[in-house]
Amino acid sequence: MKQSFLRKVIVYTASILVVCAVVGGIFGVKLLKERAEQKALEATYAAPKPVMTQEEMEALYDQHKKEEDEAEKTVEEPTEEAVAEEVVEESTEEETAEEALESTEAGAVYEGCPVDFAGMWKVNPDVYAWITVPGTSIDYPILQHPTDNTYYLNYNIDGSYGYPGCIYTENMNSKEFTDNNTVIYGHNMKNGTMFAGLHKYEDASFFEQNSKVYIYTPDKELSYTIFAAYIYDDRHLMYSFNFADEAVYSTYLKDIQGMRSMNANFREGLEVTSEDKIITLVTCIANQADKRLLVQAVLDEN
């Protein structure tokens, strides 16, 4: 009788211990998950820091030029014609850089501008603006090649070929951001750089809490409010729509704001009309070559 009772006590105690262990494990996993989510959330909404400093960009440019110079030493002596062509090219590049620097010295950069455009032009005279998107790591110069609209898709700020390329616009857009729609491109890099941060706006909560884009040019600061983020096809926007035509532009905006999709976020209460100026930030979507992510923002009244 005593042994039977003792066995029951042991079984009962063991059962309680097992239940406690299971419950404790569940709460432990939940606690760890909550802590991980909290850390991820803190990292997501942390204030952005420049991805590449001015000194780092100049160092990268200097390194690239040094490698080019060393490579040239191993090449056979050039002909007189080749030397003449090279002199002309170098002269043209120097003039372009000098023109940019002269405009700076002439007072083109407004007082208090947070971007060192003079320093940027020493690295690359095609830099004409800077974009910052709070809540993401997007904090880059914007470039525009004078003749080749796909150049900065494949070339870096120091002139080297390959990824990550640059944040850039095409010469169909004014550098003054006076067009109805200025389209800005950037790669969706796996390491989270360039325009990869735009994918955060696919999350409704992040979209709701992060609404600003800032663009700095030598003569002004522009503030924008994000009103839409959605997946679109890969058509070339500037070729597909004549945004200079008020009727076309108005219809385009109405179509956007009338869109209903599980993959789209829109800012409630913010109406955008053909009297407004917008920017469209464009990047790729992994494993969907025929799709693009568009994040669009309207210019605030400055």
Protein backbone atom coordinates (compact mmCIF):
# COMPACT_ATOMS: atom_id res chain seq x y z
CA MET A 1 0.00 0.00 0.00
CA LYS A 2 2.79 2.41 0.94
CA GLN A 3 4.75 1.47 -2.18
CA SER A 4 1.71 2.10 -4.39
CA PHE A 5 1.15 5.48 -2.77
CA LEU A 6 4.84 6.33 -3.14
CA ARG A 7 4.75 5.44 -6.82
CA LYS A 8 1.75 7.70 -7.34
CA VAL A 9 3.55 10.56 -5.58
CA ILE A 10 6.65 10.05 -7.75
CA VAL A 11 4.60 9.93 -10.97
CA TYR A 12 2.60 13.00 -9.96
CA THR A 13 5.76 14.93 -9.05
CA ALA A 14 7.45 13.92 -12.29
CA SER A 15 4.41 15.04 -14.27
CA ILE A 16 4.44 18.43 -12.60
CA LEU A 17 8.15 18.83 -13.35
CA VAL A 18 7.62 17.92 -17.00
CA VAL A 19 4.74 20.39 -17.33
CA CYS A 20 6.81 23.12 -15.66
CA ALA A 21 9.73 22.42 -17.98
CA VAL A 22 7.52 22.59 -21.07
CA VAL A 23 5.78 25.78 -19.95
CA GLY A 24 9.11 27.32 -18.93
CA GLY A 25 10.58 26.42 -22.29
CA ILE A 26 7.68 27.99 -24.15
CA PHE A 27 7.91 31.23 -22.16
CA GLY A 28 11.71 31.21 -22.54
CA VAL A 29 11.49 30.91 -26.33
CA LYS A 30 8.82 33.61 -26.42
CA LEU A 31 10.96 35.93 -24.31
CA LEU A 32 14.01 35.39 -26.51
CA LYS A 33 11.89 36.00 -29.61
CA GLU A 34 10.48 39.23 -28.14
CA ARG A 35 13.96 40.45 -27.26
CA ALA A 36 15.21 39.65 -30.78
CA GLU A 37 12.24 41.47 -32.32
CA GLN A 38 12.83 44.46 -30.05
CA LYS A 39 16.50 44.65 -31.07
CA ALA A 40 15.52 44.37 -34.73
CA LEU A 41 12.94 47.12 -34.29
CA GLU A 42 15.46 49.39 -32.58
CA ALA A 43 17.92 48.79 -35.39
CA THR A 44 15.23 49.47 -38.00
CA TYR A 45 14.25 52.84 -36.60
CA ALA A 46 17.72 53.98 -35.62
CA ALA A 47 18.89 57.24 -37.09
CA PRO A 48 20.66 56.62 -40.40
CA LYS A 49 24.40 57.10 -40.69
CA PRO A 50 26.31 57.93 -43.88
CA VAL A 51 27.22 54.70 -45.67
CA MET A 52 30.39 56.20 -47.09
CA THR A 53 32.11 59.30 -45.78
CA GLN A 54 33.70 61.95 -47.96
CA GLU A 55 37.16 60.79 -46.88
CA GLU A 56 36.34 57.18 -47.77
CA MET A 57 35.11 58.15 -51.22
CA GLU A 58 38.20 60.23 -51.91
CA ALA A 59 40.42 57.40 -50.64
CA LEU A 60 38.60 54.96 -52.94
CA TYR A 61 39.04 57.31 -55.87
CA ASP A 62 42.76 57.83 -55.11
CA GLN A 63 43.29 54.08 -54.82
CA HIS A 64 41.60 53.49 -58.15
CA LYS A 65 43.70 56.19 -59.86
CA LYS A 66 46.85 54.68 -58.36
CA GLU A 67 45.95 51.25 -59.72
CA GLU A 68 45.26 52.78 -63.14
CA ASP A 69 48.62 54.57 -63.13
CA GLU A 70 50.46 51.37 -62.21
CA ALA A 71 48.62 49.48 -64.94
CA GLU A 72 49.56 52.13 -67.51
CA LYS A 73 53.24 51.73 -66.69
CA THR A 74 53.14 48.11 -67.87
CA VAL A 75 51.59 49.03 -71.23
CA GLU A 76 53.70 49.72 -74.33
CA GLU A 77 54.55 53.31 -75.18
CA PRO A 78 51.49 54.95 -76.78
CA THR A 79 51.57 56.54 -80.22
CA GLU A 80 51.58 60.30 -80.69
CA GLU A 81 47.94 60.16 -81.81
CA ALA A 82 46.93 58.25 -78.67
CA VAL A 83 48.79 60.74 -76.50
CA ALA A 84 47.00 63.64 -78.21
CA GLU A 85 43.58 62.01 -77.67
CA GLU A 86 44.38 61.34 -74.01
CA VAL A 87 45.40 64.96 -73.47
CA VAL A 88 42.11 66.15 -74.97
CA GLU A 89 40.10 63.77 -72.73
CA GLU A 90 42.00 64.81 -69.60
CA SER A 91 41.57 68.45 -70.52
CA THR A 92 37.80 67.98 -70.92
CA GLU A 93 37.53 66.19 -67.56
CA GLU A 94 39.56 68.92 -65.84
CA GLU A 95 37.38 71.63 -67.36
CA THR A 96 34.21 69.90 -66.16
CA ALA A 97 35.59 69.60 -62.64
CA GLU A 98 36.86 73.18 -62.71
CA GLU A 99 33.45 74.45 -63.82
CA ALA A 100 31.80 72.67 -60.88
CA LEU A 101 34.36 74.07 -58.45
CA GLU A 102 34.06 77.55 -59.92
CA SER A 103 30.28 77.48 -59.38
CA THR A 104 30.95 76.58 -55.75
CA GLU A 105 33.40 79.42 -55.30
CA ALA A 106 30.87 81.75 -56.91
CA GLY A 107 28.52 81.07 -54.00
CA ALA A 108 26.27 78.41 -55.59
CA VAL A 109 26.30 76.31 -52.41
CA TYR A 110 23.88 77.74 -49.87
CA GLU A 111 25.09 78.60 -46.39
CA GLY A 112 24.64 75.75 -43.95
CA CYS A 113 24.45 73.05 -46.65
CA PRO A 114 25.31 69.72 -44.92
CA VAL A 115 26.87 68.27 -48.09
CA ASP A 116 30.46 69.04 -49.09
CA PHE A 117 29.74 69.45 -52.80
CA ALA A 118 33.17 70.94 -53.46
CA GLY A 119 34.77 67.80 -52.06
CA MET A 120 32.33 65.58 -53.95
CA TRP A 121 33.15 67.28 -57.25
CA LYS A 122 36.81 66.46 -56.73
CA VAL A 123 35.77 62.80 -56.69
CA ASN A 124 33.25 63.07 -59.53
CA PRO A 125 31.83 66.22 -61.17
CA ASP A 126 28.63 64.34 -62.13
CA VAL A 127 27.44 64.57 -58.50
CA TYR A 128 24.65 67.15 -58.40
CA ALA A 129 22.53 66.29 -55.34
CA TRP A 130 22.35 64.17 -52.19
CA ILE A 131 19.46 61.99 -51.00
CA THR A 132 18.72 60.98 -47.40
CA VAL A 133 15.84 58.72 -46.36
CA PRO A 134 15.48 58.64 -42.55
CA GLY A 135 14.83 55.18 -41.13
CA THR A 136 16.95 53.53 -43.81
CA SER A 137 20.65 53.48 -44.73
CA ILE A 138 19.94 55.49 -47.89
CA ASP A 139 22.32 58.44 -47.60
CA TYR A 140 24.07 58.91 -50.94
CA PRO A 141 25.08 61.36 -53.64
CA ILE A 142 22.90 61.49 -56.76
CA LEU A 143 24.71 61.53 -60.10
CA GLN A 144 23.70 62.15 -63.71
CA HIS A 145 25.89 61.30 -66.68
CA PRO A 146 25.63 63.96 -69.42
CA THR A 147 25.23 61.49 -72.32
CA ASP A 148 24.94 57.85 -71.15
CA ASN A 149 21.76 57.25 -69.16
CA THR A 150 22.80 53.73 -68.10
CA TYR A 151 26.38 54.60 -67.15
CA TYR A 152 25.89 54.73 -63.38
CA LEU A 153 23.90 51.52 -63.45
CA ASN A 154 27.26 49.80 -63.97
CA TYR A 155 29.92 52.29 -62.82
CA ASN A 156 30.86 53.45 -59.35
CA ILE A 157 31.46 57.00 -58.19
CA ASP A 158 35.23 56.62 -58.69
CA GLY A 159 34.82 55.45 -62.30
CA SER A 160 35.46 51.76 -61.60
CA TYR A 161 33.21 49.21 -63.30
CA GLY A 162 30.81 46.94 -61.38
CA TYR A 163 28.52 46.95 -58.38
CA PRO A 164 27.14 48.74 -56.49
CA GLY A 165 26.95 51.46 -59.14
CA CYS A 166 25.48 54.79 -58.05
CA ILE A 167 22.20 56.43 -57.19
CA TYR A 168 21.39 58.31 -60.38
CA THR A 169 18.87 60.03 -62.64
CA GLU A 170 18.70 60.18 -66.42
CA ASN A 171 19.30 63.31 -68.46
CA MET A 172 15.59 63.40 -69.34
CA ASN A 173 15.16 64.84 -65.85
CA SER A 174 16.30 68.29 -64.81
CA LYS A 175 18.92 68.49 -62.08
CA GLU A 176 16.81 71.18 -60.41
CA PHE A 177 13.98 68.77 -59.47
CA THR A 178 11.51 71.01 -61.25
CA ASP A 179 10.00 68.21 -63.38
CA ASN A 180 6.60 66.84 -62.47
CA ASN A 181 8.20 63.45 -61.83
CA THR A 182 11.92 62.98 -61.18
CA VAL A 183 12.82 59.28 -61.39
CA ILE A 184 15.79 58.17 -59.25
CA TYR A 185 17.37 54.73 -59.67
CA GLY A 186 19.49 52.54 -57.39
CA HIS A 187 20.46 48.88 -57.12
CA ASN A 188 18.82 46.54 -54.59
CA MET A 189 22.06 45.26 -53.03
CA LYS A 190 22.02 42.04 -50.99
CA ASN A 191 24.14 43.67 -48.26
CA GLY A 192 21.44 46.27 -47.68
CA THR A 193 23.21 49.20 -49.34
CA MET A 194 22.11 51.55 -52.13
CA PHE A 195 18.30 51.35 -52.62
CA ALA A 196 17.80 48.02 -50.80
CA GLY A 197 16.32 50.01 -47.90
CA LEU A 198 13.29 50.90 -50.03
CA HIS A 199 11.97 47.40 -49.45
CA LYS A 200 11.25 48.38 -45.85
CA TYR A 201 8.31 50.39 -47.19
CA GLU A 202 6.59 47.16 -48.21
CA ASP A 203 5.84 46.76 -44.51
CA ALA A 204 2.68 48.73 -43.65
CA SER A 205 3.87 49.61 -40.14
CA PHE A 206 7.23 50.93 -41.33
CA PHE A 207 5.53 52.85 -44.14
CA GLU A 208 3.17 54.48 -41.66
CA GLN A 209 5.94 55.57 -39.29
CA ASN A 210 8.53 56.71 -41.86
CA SER A 211 7.38 59.31 -44.34
CA LYS A 212 10.22 61.69 -45.20
CA VAL A 213 12.82 62.01 -47.94
CA TYR A 214 15.32 64.86 -48.04
CA ILE A 215 17.26 65.99 -51.09
CA TYR A 216 20.07 68.51 -50.94
CA THR A 217 21.34 70.41 -53.96
CA PRO A 218 24.03 73.12 -53.96
CA ASP A 219 21.41 75.85 -53.75
CA LYS A 220 18.53 74.37 -51.75
CA GLU A 221 17.12 71.69 -49.47
CA LEU A 222 14.00 69.83 -50.59
CA SER A 223 11.64 67.97 -48.26
CA TYR A 224 9.30 65.26 -49.56
CA THR A 225 6.54 63.14 -48.01
CA ILE A 226 6.23 59.52 -49.12
CA PHE A 227 2.69 58.81 -50.31
CA ALA A 228 2.98 55.45 -52.08
CA ALA A 229 5.04 52.25 -52.16
CA TYR A 230 4.08 49.44 -54.50
CA ILE A 231 5.29 46.79 -56.92
CA TYR A 232 5.10 47.76 -60.59
CA ASP A 233 6.19 46.28 -63.91
CA ASP A 234 9.59 47.01 -65.43
CA ARG A 235 8.49 49.56 -68.01
CA HIS A 236 10.60 52.68 -68.40
CA LEU A 237 8.50 55.40 -66.77
CA MET A 238 9.99 58.33 -68.64
CA TYR A 239 9.41 56.63 -71.99
CA SER A 240 5.95 55.37 -71.07
CA PHE A 241 4.40 58.60 -69.75
CA ASN A 242 4.69 62.20 -70.86
CA PHE A 243 4.72 63.71 -67.40
CA ALA A 244 5.04 67.20 -68.89
CA ASP A 245 1.50 66.80 -70.23
CA GLU A 246 -0.81 67.87 -67.40
CA ALA A 247 -3.64 65.57 -68.50
CA VAL A 248 -1.34 62.54 -68.71
CA TYR A 249 0.27 63.38 -65.38
CA SER A 250 -3.10 63.89 -63.68
CA THR A 251 -4.41 60.54 -64.96
CA TYR A 252 -1.19 58.83 -63.86
CA LEU A 253 -1.53 60.16 -60.31
CA LYS A 254 -5.20 59.19 -60.09
CA ASP A 255 -4.38 55.67 -61.25
CA ILE A 256 -1.70 55.36 -58.57
CA GLN A 257 -3.91 56.60 -55.76
CA GLY A 258 -6.79 54.43 -56.97
CA MET A 259 -4.65 51.30 -56.94
CA ARG A 260 -5.77 48.51 -54.63
CA SER A 261 -3.26 45.76 -54.01
CA MET A 262 -1.97 43.60 -51.17
CA ASN A 263 1.54 44.68 -52.23
CA ALA A 264 0.84 48.41 -52.01
CA ASN A 265 0.89 51.01 -49.24
CA PHE A 266 -0.63 54.49 -49.49
CA ARG A 267 -0.67 57.39 -47.07
CA GLU A 268 -4.22 58.12 -46.02
CA GLY A 269 -5.38 61.72 -46.21
CA LEU A 270 -2.57 62.87 -48.51
CA GLU A 271 -3.91 63.79 -51.94
CA VAL A 272 -1.41 64.39 -54.73
CA THR A 273 -2.53 66.40 -57.77
CA SER A 274 -1.04 67.51 -61.07
CA GLU A 275 0.00 70.76 -59.38
CA ASP A 276 2.47 68.84 -57.23
CA LYS A 277 6.03 67.70 -57.99
CA ILE A 278 6.98 64.14 -57.10
CA ILE A 279 10.03 61.91 -57.04
CA THR A 280 9.93 58.20 -57.83
CA LEU A 281 12.59 55.99 -56.23
CA VAL A 282 13.05 52.79 -58.25
CA THR A 283 14.83 49.55 -57.39
CA CYS A 284 14.75 45.88 -58.40
CA ILE A 285 13.02 42.96 -56.69
CA ALA A 286 14.99 39.78 -56.02
CA ASN A 287 14.13 36.93 -58.39
CA GLN A 288 11.57 39.07 -60.24
CA ALA A 289 13.38 40.54 -63.23
CA ASP A 290 10.15 41.89 -64.74
CA LYS A 291 9.11 43.77 -61.59
CA ARG A 292 10.23 46.94 -59.81
CA LEU A 293 9.56 48.45 -56.40
CA LEU A 294 8.49 52.09 -56.59
CA VAL A 295 8.50 54.44 -53.60
CA GLN A 296 7.00 57.82 -54.45
CA ALA A 297 7.10 61.08 -52.51
CA VAL A 298 5.54 64.49 -53.04
CA LEU A 299 7.40 67.78 -52.58
CA ASP A 300 6.38 69.60 -49.41
CA GLU A 301 5.49 73.26 -49.48
CA ASN A 302 8.83 74.87 -48.61
